[in-house]
C-alpha atoms as a PDB file:
ATOM      1  CA  MET A   1     115.830  85.764  98.812  1.00  0.00           C
ATOM      2  CA  ASP A   2     114.001  84.134 101.848  1.00  0.00           C
ATOM      3  CA  VAL A   3     114.131  84.873 105.506  1.00  0.00           C
ATOM      4  CA  ALA A   4     116.903  82.320 106.275  1.00  0.00           C
ATOM      5  CA  MET A   5     119.143  83.586 103.459  1.00  0.00           C
ATOM      6  CA  MET A   6     118.598  87.275 104.436  1.00  0.00           C
ATOM      7  CA  ILE A   7     119.519  86.603 108.083  1.00  0.00           C
ATOM      8  CA  ARG A   8     122.505  84.509 107.258  1.00  0.00           C
ATOM      9  CA  SER A   9     123.768  87.252 104.908  1.00  0.00           C
ATOM     10  CA  ARG A  10     123.307  89.900 107.489  1.00  0.00           C
ATOM     11  CA  LEU A  11     125.002  87.942 110.229  1.00  0.00           C
ATOM     12  CA  ALA A  12     127.989  87.392 107.934  1.00  0.00           C
ATOM     13  CA  ASP A  13     128.165  91.020 106.898  1.00  0.00           C
ATOM     14  CA  LEU A  14     128.061  92.201 110.548  1.00  0.00           C
ATOM     15  CA  GLY A  15     130.350  89.503 111.840  1.00  0.00           C
ATOM     16  CA  LEU A  16     127.847  88.178 114.353  1.00  0.00           C
ATOM     17  CA  GLU A  17     126.804  84.724 115.501  1.00  0.00           C
ATOM     18  CA  GLN A  18     123.436  82.922 115.710  1.00  0.00           C
ATOM     19  CA  ARG A  19     123.571  83.142 119.511  1.00  0.00           C
ATOM     20  CA  ASP A  20     123.926  86.902 119.315  1.00  0.00           C
ATOM     21  CA  LEU A  21     120.768  87.075 117.176  1.00  0.00           C
ATOM     22  CA  ALA A  22     118.895  84.640 119.440  1.00  0.00           C
ATOM     23  CA  ARG A  23     119.724  86.791 122.529  1.00  0.00           C
ATOM     24  CA  ALA A  24     118.631  89.982 120.790  1.00  0.00           C
ATOM     25  CA  ALA A  25     115.404  88.396 119.395  1.00  0.00           C
ATOM     26  CA  GLN A  26     114.594  86.858 122.809  1.00  0.00           C
ATOM     27  CA  VAL A  27     114.415  83.234 121.454  1.00  0.00           C
ATOM     28  CA  THR A  28     116.518  80.171 121.904  1.00  0.00           C
ATOM     29  CA  GLU A  29     119.661  79.527 119.896  1.00  0.00           C
ATOM     30  CA  SER A  30     118.026  76.215 118.763  1.00  0.00           C
ATOM     31  CA  TYR A  31     115.017  78.110 117.316  1.00  0.00           C
ATOM     32  CA  VAL A  32     117.354  80.429 115.278  1.00  0.00           C
ATOM     33  CA  SER A  33     119.285  77.380 114.044  1.00  0.00           C
ATOM     34  CA  GLN A  34     116.097  75.683 112.873  1.00  0.00           C
ATOM     35  CA  LEU A  35     114.872  78.864 111.162  1.00  0.00           C
ATOM     36  CA  LEU A  36     118.229  79.336 109.354  1.00  0.00           C
ATOM     37  CA  THR A  37     118.444  75.669 108.277  1.00  0.00           C
ATOM     38  CA  ARG A  38     114.772  75.892 107.165  1.00  0.00           C
ATOM     39  CA  LYS A  39     113.801  73.023 109.368  1.00  0.00           C
ATOM     40  CA  LYS A  40     111.252  75.449 110.893  1.00  0.00           C
ATOM     41  CA  ALA A  41     109.164  77.748 108.629  1.00  0.00           C
ATOM     42  CA  PRO A  42     109.240  81.474 109.368  1.00  0.00           C
ATOM     43  CA  PRO A  43     106.283  82.535 111.445  1.00  0.00           C
ATOM     44  CA  ALA A  44     103.483  84.601 109.939  1.00  0.00           C
ATOM     45  CA  PRO A  45     104.337  88.284 110.427  1.00  0.00           C
ATOM     46  CA  GLU A  46     100.863  89.088 111.893  1.00  0.00           C
ATOM     47  CA  ARG A  47     101.422  86.471 114.670  1.00  0.00           C
ATOM     48  CA  THR A  48     104.792  87.602 116.062  1.00  0.00           C
ATOM     49  CA  ASP A  49     106.975  90.609 116.776  1.00  0.00           C
ATOM     50  CA  ILE A  50     110.204  88.686 116.392  1.00  0.00           C
ATOM     51  CA  TYR A  51     110.939  90.300 113.014  1.00  0.00           C
ATOM     52  CA  ASP A  52     110.936  93.797 114.510  1.00  0.00           C
ATOM     53  CA  ARG A  53     113.638  92.749 117.042  1.00  0.00           C
ATOM     54  CA  MET A  54     115.570  90.980 114.376  1.00  0.00           C
ATOM     55  CA  ASP A  55     115.415  93.926 112.079  1.00  0.00           C
ATOM     56  CA  ARG A  56     116.828  96.307 114.716  1.00  0.00           C
ATOM     57  CA  PHE A  57     119.660  93.914 115.557  1.00  0.00           C
ATOM     58  CA  LEU A  58     120.539  93.141 111.901  1.00  0.00           C
ATOM     59  CA  LYS A  59     120.301  96.875 111.038  1.00  0.00           C
ATOM     60  CA  LEU A  60     117.674  96.197 108.350  1.00  0.00           C
ATOM     61  CA  PRO A  61     114.945  98.718 107.383  1.00  0.00           C
ATOM     62  CA  HIS A  62     111.921  98.494 109.727  1.00  0.00           C
ATOM     63  CA  GLY A  63     109.533  95.719 108.565  1.00  0.00           C
ATOM     64  CA  GLU A  64     111.896  94.239 106.038  1.00  0.00           C
ATOM     65  CA  LEU A  65     112.108  90.754 107.369  1.00  0.00           C
ATOM     66  CA  ALA A  66     108.344  90.707 107.871  1.00  0.00           C
ATOM     67  CA  ARG A  67     107.872  91.679 104.270  1.00  0.00           C
ATOM     68  CA  VAL A  68     110.244  88.914 103.003  1.00  0.00           C
ATOM     69  CA  ALA A  69     108.528  86.330 105.305  1.00  0.00           C
ATOM     70  CA  GLU A  70     105.107  87.268 104.088  1.00  0.00           C
ATOM     71  CA  ALA A  71     106.157  87.007 100.362  1.00  0.00           C
ATOM     72  CA  HIS A  72     107.872  83.614 101.134  1.00  0.00           C
ATOM     73  CA  LEU A  73     104.699  82.266 102.866  1.00  0.00           C
ATOM     74  CA  LYS A  74     102.496  83.320  99.955  1.00  0.00           C
ATOM     75  CA  ASP A  75     104.746  81.741  97.407  1.00  0.00           C
ATOM     76  CA  GLU A  76     104.656  78.484  99.425  1.00  0.00           C
ATOM     77  CA  LEU A  77     100.892  78.621  99.590  1.00  0.00           C
ATOM     78  CA  LYS A  78     100.744  79.115  95.790  1.00  0.00           C
ATOM     79  CA  ARG A  79     103.068  76.143  95.206  1.00  0.00           C
ATOM     80  CA  ARG A  80     100.823  73.970  97.445  1.00  0.00           C
ATOM     81  CA  LEU A  81      97.478  75.046  96.114  1.00  0.00           C
ATOM     82  CA  GLY A  82      98.254  76.442  92.634  1.00  0.00           C
ATOM     83  CA  GLU A  83      97.045  79.842  91.452  1.00  0.00           C
ATOM     84  CA  ILE A  84      93.821  80.665  93.256  1.00  0.00           C
ATOM     85  CA  ALA A  85      91.188  82.082  90.919  1.00  0.00           C
ATOM     86  CA  PRO A  86      88.976  84.977  92.044  1.00  0.00           C
ATOM     87  CA  PRO A  87      85.609  83.899  93.544  1.00  0.00           C
ATOM     88  CA  PHE A  88      83.632  85.590  90.786  1.00  0.00           C
ATOM     89  CA  PRO A  89      85.768  85.430  87.630  1.00  0.00           C
ATOM     90  CA  GLU A  90      82.941  86.321  85.169  1.00  0.00           C
ATOM     91  CA  LEU A  91      81.980  89.421  87.130  1.00  0.00           C
ATOM     92  CA  ARG A  92      85.645  90.516  87.419  1.00  0.00           C
ATOM     93  CA  ALA A  93      86.141  90.007  83.635  1.00  0.00           C
ATOM     94  CA  LEU A  94      83.070  92.326  83.048  1.00  0.00           C
ATOM     95  CA  ILE A  95      84.266  94.927  85.497  1.00  0.00           C
ATOM     96  CA  LEU A  96      87.642  95.058  83.665  1.00  0.00           C
ATOM     97  CA  GLU A  97      85.917  95.118  80.226  1.00  0.00           C
ATOM     98  CA  LYS A  98      83.780  98.090  81.242  1.00  0.00           C
ATOM     99  CA  CYS A  99      86.731 100.057  82.818  1.00  0.00           C
ATOM    100  CA  VAL A 100      87.953 102.969  80.655  1.00  0.00           C
ATOM    101  CA  PRO A 101      91.069 101.798  78.726  1.00  0.00           C
ATOM    102  CA  ALA A 102      93.425 104.254  80.400  1.00  0.00           C
ATOM    103  CA  GLN A 103      92.791 102.684  83.841  1.00  0.00           C
ATOM    104  CA  VAL A 104      92.464  98.952  83.094  1.00  0.00           C
ATOM    105  CA  GLU A 105      95.919  97.947  83.917  1.00  0.00           C
ATOM    106  CA  GLN A 106      96.020  99.928  87.094  1.00  0.00           C
ATOM    107  CA  VAL A 107      92.627  98.501  88.271  1.00  0.00           C
ATOM    108  CA  ARG A 108      93.663  95.015  87.214  1.00  0.00           C
ATOM    109  CA  ALA A 109      96.867  95.239  89.322  1.00  0.00           C
ATOM    110  CA  ILE A 110      94.789  96.321  92.312  1.00  0.00           C
ATOM    111  CA  ILE A 111      91.929  93.864  92.216  1.00  0.00           C
ATOM    112  CA  GLU A 112      94.128  90.869  91.451  1.00  0.00           C
ATOM    113  CA  GLN A 113      96.118  91.561  94.604  1.00  0.00           C
ATOM    114  CA  GLN A 114      93.343  90.182  96.735  1.00  0.00           C
ATOM    115  CA  SER A 115      90.150  88.167  96.090  1.00  0.00           C
ATOM    116  CA  PHE A 116      87.219  90.424  95.889  1.00  0.00           C
ATOM    117  CA  GLY A 117      88.874  93.393  97.680  1.00  0.00           C
ATOM    118  CA  ASP A 118      87.559  96.823  98.450  1.00  0.00           C
ATOM    119  CA  LEU A 119      87.788  98.329  94.941  1.00  0.00           C
ATOM    120  CA  GLU A 120      86.320  95.290  93.273  1.00  0.00           C
ATOM    121  CA  ARG A 121      83.372  95.146  95.650  1.00  0.00           C
ATOM    122  CA  LEU A 122      82.711  98.806  95.388  1.00  0.00           C
ATOM    123  CA  VAL A 123      82.664  98.899  91.631  1.00  0.00           C
ATOM    124  CA  ALA A 124      80.499  95.731  91.446  1.00  0.00           C
ATOM    125  CA  GLN A 125      78.006  97.219  93.841  1.00  0.00           C
ATOM    126  CA  LYS A 126      77.680 100.531  91.975  1.00  0.00           C
ATOM    127  CA  LEU A 127      77.443  98.986  88.588  1.00  0.00           C
ATOM    128  CA  LEU A 128      74.667  96.764  89.801  1.00  0.00           C
ATOM    129  CA  HIS A 129      72.900  99.687  91.423  1.00  0.00           C
ATOM    130  CA  VAL A 130      72.992 101.843  88.310  1.00  0.00           C
ATOM    131  CA  ALA A 131      71.824  98.941  86.145  1.00  0.00           C
ATOM    132  CA  GLY A 132      68.744  98.523  88.378  1.00  0.00           C
ATOM    133  CA  LEU A 133      69.830  95.118  89.637  1.00  0.00           C
ATOM    134  CA  GLY A 134      70.266  95.770  93.293  1.00  0.00           C
ATOM    135  CA  GLY A 135      73.531  95.494  95.202  1.00  0.00           C
ATOM    136  CA  ASP A 136      73.970  91.814  96.133  1.00  0.00           C
ATOM    137  CA  VAL A 137      77.404  91.258  94.574  1.00  0.00           C
ATOM    138  CA  LEU A 138      77.612  87.763  96.175  1.00  0.00           C
ATOM    139  CA  HIS A 139      74.696  86.407  94.139  1.00  0.00           C
ATOM    140  CA  VAL A 140      75.001  87.818  90.612  1.00  0.00           C
ATOM    141  CA  THR A 141      73.274  85.406  88.090  1.00  0.00           C
ATOM    142  CA  PRO A 142      74.417  84.940  84.430  1.00  0.00           C
ATOM    143  CA  ARG A 143      71.184  86.791  83.416  1.00  0.00           C
ATOM    144  CA  GLN A 144      72.083  89.747  85.581  1.00  0.00           C
ATOM    145  CA  ARG A 145      75.530  89.924  84.000  1.00  0.00           C
ATOM    146  CA  VAL A 146      74.011  90.058  80.638  1.00  0.00           C
ATOM    147  CA  ARG A 147      71.746  92.952  81.723  1.00  0.00           C
ATOM    148  CA  LEU A 148      74.665  94.624  83.384  1.00  0.00           C
ATOM    149  CA  ASP A 149      76.703  94.269  80.218  1.00  0.00           C
ATOM    150  CA  ALA A 150      73.904  95.878  78.201  1.00  0.00           C
ATOM    151  CA  SER A 151      73.241  98.712  80.718  1.00  0.00           C
ATOM    152  CA  VAL A 152      76.649  99.951  81.419  1.00  0.00           C
ATOM    153  CA  ALA A 153      79.012 101.497  78.752  1.00  0.00           C
ATOM    154  CA  SER A 154      81.985 102.286  80.919  1.00  0.00           C
ATOM    155  CA  TRP A 155      83.224 103.356  84.344  1.00  0.00           C
ATOM    156  CA  GLU A 156      86.266 105.181  85.728  1.00  0.00           C
ATOM    157  CA  TRP A 157      87.508 106.102  89.233  1.00  0.00           C
ATOM    158  CA  ASN A 158      89.588 108.772  90.937  1.00  0.00           C
ATOM    159  CA  PRO A 159      92.289 107.033  93.011  1.00  0.00           C
ATOM    160  CA  ALA A 160      92.737 110.009  95.185  1.00  0.00           C
ATOM    161  CA  THR A 161      89.084 110.377  96.293  1.00  0.00           C
ATOM    162  CA  PHE A 162      87.750 106.897  95.325  1.00  0.00           C
ATOM    163  CA  ALA A 163      84.954 108.652  93.427  1.00  0.00           C
ATOM    164  CA  LEU A 164      83.343 106.610  90.570  1.00  0.00           C
ATOM    165  CA  ALA A 165      81.815 107.886  87.371  1.00  0.00           C
ATOM    166  CA  VAL A 166      79.605 105.460  85.403  1.00  0.00           C
ATOM    167  CA  ARG A 167      78.423 106.057  81.906  1.00  0.00           C
ATOM    168  CA  LEU A 168      75.295 104.206  80.952  1.00  0.00           C
ATOM    169  CA  ALA A 169      74.520 102.692  77.484  1.00  0.00           C
ATOM    170  CA  GLY A 170      71.985 105.424  76.838  1.00  0.00           C
ATOM    171  CA  GLY A 171      74.702 108.109  77.448  1.00  0.00           C
ATOM    172  CA  GLU A 172      73.607 109.105  81.001  1.00  0.00           C
ATOM    173  CA  HIS A 173      76.306 109.689  83.522  1.00  0.00           C
ATOM    174  CA  LYS A 174      76.172 108.700  87.182  1.00  0.00           C
ATOM    175  CA  HIS A 175      78.647 109.973  89.775  1.00  0.00           C
ATOM    176  CA  PHE A 176      79.482 108.722  93.251  1.00  0.00           C
ATOM    177  CA  GLU A 177      81.640 110.719  95.601  1.00  0.00           C
ATOM    178  CA  TYR A 178      83.283 109.589  98.814  1.00  0.00           C
ATOM    179  CA  ALA A 179      84.634 111.777 101.613  1.00  0.00           C
ATOM    180  CA  GLU A 180      87.422 110.886 104.000  1.00  0.00           C
ATOM    181  CA  ARG A 181      86.305 110.498 107.549  1.00  0.00           C
ATOM    182  CA  ASP A 182      89.318 112.298 109.060  1.00  0.00           C
ATOM    183  CA  PRO A 183      91.615 114.267 106.629  1.00  0.00           C
ATOM    184  CA  ALA A 184      94.396 114.413 109.257  1.00  0.00           C
ATOM    185  CA  ALA A 185      94.533 110.701 109.439  1.00  0.00           C
ATOM    186  CA  GLY A 186      94.110 110.031 105.782  1.00  0.00           C
ATOM    187  CA  ASN A 187      91.303 107.344 106.088  1.00  0.00           C
ATOM    188  CA  GLY A 188      90.464 107.782 109.696  1.00  0.00           C
ATOM    189  CA  GLU A 189      92.667 104.880 110.910  1.00  0.00           C
ATOM    190  CA  LYS A 190      95.080 105.682 113.763  1.00  0.00           C
ATOM    191  CA  GLY A 191      97.614 103.282 112.057  1.00  0.00           C
ATOM    192  CA  MET A 192      97.471 105.365 108.879  1.00  0.00           C
ATOM    193  CA  ALA A 193      98.170 108.507 110.866  1.00  0.00           C
ATOM    194  CA  GLU A 194     101.089 106.935 112.522  1.00  0.00           C
ATOM    195  CA  PHE A 195     102.300 105.608 109.133  1.00  0.00           C
ATOM    196  CA  LEU A 196     102.292 109.112 107.681  1.00  0.00           C
ATOM    197  CA  ARG A 197     104.069 110.640 110.640  1.00  0.00           C
ATOM    198  CA  ASP A 198     106.840 108.045 110.514  1.00  0.00           C
ATOM    199  CA  THR A 199     108.932 109.176 107.512  1.00  0.00           C
ATOM    200  CA  ALA A 200     111.097 106.046 107.796  1.00  0.00           C
ATOM    201  CA  LEU A 201     107.946 104.110 106.667  1.00  0.00           C
ATOM    202  CA  SER A 202     106.130 106.542 104.478  1.00  0.00           C
ATOM    203  CA  ALA A 203     108.689 109.019 102.930  1.00  0.00           C
ATOM    204  CA  SER A 204     109.128 107.060  99.713  1.00  0.00           C
ATOM    205  CA  ALA A 205     105.356 106.562  99.004  1.00  0.00           C
ATOM    206  CA  THR A 206     104.003 108.241  95.843  1.00  0.00           C
ATOM    207  CA  PRO A 207     100.700 110.179  95.785  1.00  0.00           C
ATOM    208  CA  ALA A 208      99.061 107.264  93.920  1.00  0.00           C
ATOM    209  CA  GLU A 209     100.295 104.702  96.492  1.00  0.00           C
ATOM    210  CA  LEU A 210      99.110 106.903  99.347  1.00  0.00           C
ATOM    211  CA  ALA A 211      95.762 107.255  97.714  1.00  0.00           C
ATOM    212  CA  PHE A 212      95.458 103.473  97.541  1.00  0.00           C
ATOM    213  CA  LEU A 213      96.458 103.018 101.067  1.00  0.00           C
ATOM    214  CA  LYS A 214      93.999 105.622 102.323  1.00  0.00           C
ATOM    215  CA  SER A 215      91.226 103.901 100.368  1.00  0.00           C
ATOM    216  CA  LEU A 216      91.547 100.785 102.424  1.00  0.00           C
ATOM    217  CA  ARG A 217      88.641 100.176 104.817  1.00  0.00           C
ATOM    218  CA  PHE A 218      88.326  97.892 107.811  1.00  0.00           C
ATOM    219  CA  LYS A 219      85.185  96.760 109.702  1.00  0.00           C
ATOM    220  CA  ASP A 220      86.424  94.939 112.826  1.00  0.00           C
ATOM    221  CA  ARG A 221      90.213  95.285 112.757  1.00  0.00           C
ATOM    222  CA  ARG A 222      92.502  98.268 113.328  1.00  0.00           C
ATOM    223  CA  PRO A 223      95.660  98.160 111.237  1.00  0.00           C
ATOM    224  CA  THR A 224      98.998  99.425 112.494  1.00  0.00           C
ATOM    225  CA  ALA A 225     101.497 101.598 110.837  1.00  0.00           C
ATOM    226  CA  LEU A 226     103.542  98.544 110.014  1.00  0.00           C
ATOM    227  CA  TYR A 227     100.494  97.040 108.156  1.00  0.00           C
ATOM    228  CA  TYR A 228     100.433 100.035 105.791  1.00  0.00           C
ATOM    229  CA  TYR A 229     104.187  99.763 105.213  1.00  0.00           C
ATOM    230  CA  ARG A 230     103.886  96.084 104.342  1.00  0.00           C
ATOM    231  CA  GLU A 231     100.883  96.904 102.035  1.00  0.00           C
ATOM    232  CA  LEU A 232     103.129  99.479 100.374  1.00  0.00           C
ATOM    233  CA  GLN A 233     105.838  96.894  99.839  1.00  0.00           C
ATOM    234  CA  ASN A 234     103.217  94.472  98.360  1.00  0.00           C
ATOM    235  CA  LEU A 235     102.170  97.084  95.811  1.00  0.00           C
ATOM    236  CA  ARG A 236     105.823  97.420  94.718  1.00  0.00           C
ATOM    237  CA  ASP A 237     106.517  93.750  94.526  1.00  0.00           C
ATOM    238  CA  PRO A 238     106.447  92.571  90.904  1.00  0.00           C
ATOM    239  CA  LEU A 239     105.729  89.011  92.085  1.00  0.00           C
ATOM    240  CA  HIS A 240     102.278  90.061  93.179  1.00  0.00           C
ATOM    241  CA  PHE A 241     101.275  91.331  89.693  1.00  0.00           C
ATOM    242  CA  ARG A 242     100.989  90.015  86.126  1.00  0.00           C
ATOM    243  CA  VAL A 243     102.591  92.082  83.365  1.00  0.00           C
END
């Protein structure tokens, strides 16, 4: 179901008209008509707050239309460009090969969600470090991958703390621990703290899902509570993961 279909369905259920929605969303009736007839593509959720107003008017869960719009836009992009491969497929394959069997599928689901995301970069950096190859994950040569393969026997992680344990080929173990910056806020982000306080957004999140959300780190952007809610929905959407 896309944005247009969901809106039309809710309007019919509630016995409302397009002009009622336009007034509540603070847009023109023409804009709503073009959106519902798919003459105009739904706007990217991060560029508008129209979905919040529509959710309230249509009595949908907070963030629901934004989630549907984001999934629709991603599907459209895939149709136009095809499946986008990770920027370092050989390194990703090696990371998954060295992961302990019990965690392979969990790790695969996380790192395939985004190209070279937080977990994938962290693991790559630490494996290169323990293998004595430095930490430049953006420039790993085929020879370095061969050395990495020979040096590392396996690795595993703790989703709750993001700690890594690496077993070297000679049997030696290396451990890397990470502490949260602000326990009250989960990962130190104000948006995460707001997400946790708003039970309408976070009540259904499992401990494993919360651990993943808390592990996310940002350099020059400050995510909102809605961002974490959308990320939670992305984790649950089977369209984003391969079986």
